[in-house]
N, C-alpha and C. Protein backbone atom coordinates (compact mmCIF):
# COMPACT_ATOMS: atom_id res chain seq x y z
N MET A 1 -35.05 13.36 2.11
CA MET A 1 -33.62 12.93 0.67
C MET A 1 -34.56 12.09 0.04
N SER A 2 -34.20 12.00 -1.01
CA SER A 2 -34.79 10.69 -1.86
C SER A 2 -34.07 9.59 -1.65
N THR A 3 -34.59 8.69 -2.00
CA THR A 3 -33.50 7.28 -1.91
C THR A 3 -33.10 7.21 -2.47
N SER A 4 -32.40 7.43 -3.72
CA SER A 4 -31.13 7.89 -4.12
C SER A 4 -30.51 8.52 -3.67
N LYS A 5 -30.31 9.54 -2.77
CA LYS A 5 -29.23 10.55 -2.02
C LYS A 5 -28.90 9.09 -0.81
N ARG A 6 -30.14 8.68 -0.53
CA ARG A 6 -29.22 8.05 0.80
C ARG A 6 -29.08 6.77 0.52
N ARG A 7 -28.90 6.05 -0.28
CA ARG A 7 -28.14 5.04 -1.56
C ARG A 7 -27.05 5.30 -1.33
N GLU A 8 -26.53 6.73 -2.02
CA GLU A 8 -25.25 7.32 -2.32
C GLU A 8 -24.66 7.26 -0.95
N GLU A 9 -25.31 8.24 0.58
CA GLU A 9 -24.71 8.20 1.15
C GLU A 9 -24.21 6.81 1.96
N SER A 10 -25.05 6.02 1.83
CA SER A 10 -25.06 4.49 2.19
C SER A 10 -23.73 4.28 2.02
N ALA A 11 -23.87 4.05 1.07
CA ALA A 11 -22.88 3.67 0.10
C ALA A 11 -21.22 4.09 0.00
N TRP A 12 -21.12 5.19 0.61
CA TRP A 12 -19.76 5.75 0.34
C TRP A 12 -19.87 6.37 2.01
N LYS A 13 -20.54 6.01 3.19
CA LYS A 13 -20.07 5.41 4.62
C LYS A 13 -19.19 3.81 4.26
N SER A 14 -20.24 3.49 4.06
CA SER A 14 -20.00 1.17 4.13
C SER A 14 -18.26 1.94 3.22
N ARG A 15 -18.04 2.28 2.02
CA ARG A 15 -16.45 2.76 1.29
C ARG A 15 -15.45 3.22 2.38
N LYS A 16 -15.95 4.05 3.31
CA LYS A 16 -15.25 4.98 4.22
C LYS A 16 -14.87 3.94 5.47
N GLN A 17 -15.79 3.24 6.09
CA GLN A 17 -15.44 2.06 7.01
C GLN A 17 -14.81 0.93 6.98
N ASN A 18 -15.05 0.34 5.44
CA ASN A 18 -14.23 -0.49 5.18
C ASN A 18 -13.17 -0.83 4.44
N GLN A 19 -12.32 0.43 4.66
CA GLN A 19 -10.83 0.91 4.26
C GLN A 19 -10.08 -0.16 4.57
N GLN A 20 -9.04 -0.68 3.88
CA GLN A 20 -8.27 -1.34 4.31
C GLN A 20 -6.78 -0.61 3.65
N PRO A 21 -6.49 -0.59 4.43
CA PRO A 21 -5.44 0.63 5.09
C PRO A 21 -4.05 0.08 4.35
N HIS A 22 -2.62 0.33 3.44
CA HIS A 22 -1.68 -0.09 2.61
C HIS A 22 -0.73 0.19 3.47
N GLY A 23 -0.73 0.60 5.00
CA GLY A 23 0.69 0.94 5.51
C GLY A 23 1.34 2.28 5.00
N LYS A 24 2.28 2.26 5.82
CA LYS A 24 3.25 3.65 5.58
C LYS A 24 4.52 3.58 4.01
N VAL A 25 4.13 4.45 3.61
CA VAL A 25 4.75 4.64 2.10
C VAL A 25 5.84 5.25 2.32
N LYS A 26 6.92 4.27 1.38
CA LYS A 26 8.03 4.31 1.54
C LYS A 26 9.10 5.88 0.45
N SER A 27 9.87 6.08 1.52
CA SER A 27 10.39 7.11 0.47
C SER A 27 11.56 6.34 -0.39
N LEU A 28 11.59 7.26 -1.62
CA LEU A 28 12.44 6.67 -2.44
C LEU A 28 14.18 6.56 -1.76
N HIS A 29 14.37 6.90 -0.93
CA HIS A 29 15.32 6.86 -0.31
C HIS A 29 16.07 6.00 0.16
N GLU A 30 14.52 4.87 1.06
CA GLU A 30 14.64 3.71 1.69
C GLU A 30 14.37 2.65 0.39
N LEU A 31 13.53 2.68 -0.31
CA LEU A 31 13.31 2.11 -1.67
C LEU A 31 14.87 1.63 -2.64
N SER A 32 15.77 2.54 -2.43
CA SER A 32 16.97 2.71 -3.28
C SER A 32 17.53 1.63 -1.69
N GLN A 33 17.91 1.75 -0.68
CA GLN A 33 18.38 0.41 0.35
C GLN A 33 17.95 -0.42 0.66
N GLU A 34 16.48 -1.19 0.20
CA GLU A 34 16.35 -1.79 0.20
C GLU A 34 16.64 -2.80 -0.87
N GLN A 35 16.41 -1.74 -2.38
CA GLN A 35 17.30 -2.42 -3.54
C GLN A 35 19.31 -2.89 -3.40
N GLU A 36 19.56 -2.00 -2.37
CA GLU A 36 21.11 -2.42 -2.75
C GLU A 36 20.81 -3.52 -1.51
N ALA A 37 20.52 -3.18 -0.93
CA ALA A 37 20.73 -4.71 0.12
C ALA A 37 20.23 -5.92 -0.84
N ASP A 38 19.43 -6.11 -1.44
CA ASP A 38 18.68 -7.55 -1.44
C ASP A 38 19.73 -7.60 -3.05
N GLN A 39 20.72 -6.73 -3.69
CA GLN A 39 21.87 -6.79 -4.37
C GLN A 39 22.72 -7.29 -4.06
N GLU A 40 22.96 -6.49 -2.79
CA GLU A 40 24.58 -7.69 -2.24
C GLU A 40 24.11 -8.57 -1.58
N THR A 41 22.94 -9.23 -1.15
CA THR A 41 22.28 -10.64 -0.78
C THR A 41 22.44 -11.84 -2.24
N SER A 42 21.98 -10.63 -2.75
CA SER A 42 22.03 -11.48 -4.02
C SER A 42 22.87 -12.33 -5.02
N THR A 43 24.07 -11.39 -4.88
CA THR A 43 25.75 -11.93 -5.62
C THR A 43 26.10 -12.83 -4.40
N SER A 44 25.97 -12.39 -3.10
CA SER A 44 27.40 -13.65 -2.41
C SER A 44 26.44 -14.44 -2.26
N GLN A 45 25.11 -14.98 -2.46
CA GLN A 45 24.66 -15.92 -2.71
C GLN A 45 25.21 -16.64 -3.71
N ARG A 46 25.46 -16.26 -5.12
CA ARG A 46 25.87 -16.63 -6.62
C ARG A 46 27.17 -16.62 -6.12
N LYS A 47 28.05 -16.06 -5.00
CA LYS A 47 29.85 -17.08 -5.00
C LYS A 47 28.92 -18.35 -4.23
N ASP A 48 28.52 -18.52 -3.46
CA ASP A 48 28.33 -20.25 -2.56
C ASP A 48 28.38 -20.73 -3.56
């Protein structure tokens, strides 16, 4: 195995081991519910 191949594999392994998971991806339905909830709270704050 050549040194460049070894470096390439080592870099790939280190990237694989140091992953930063971003968490669960929300569905469009969940996002729309959050948006509606944010709008309701912001409109109720304006009335005060």
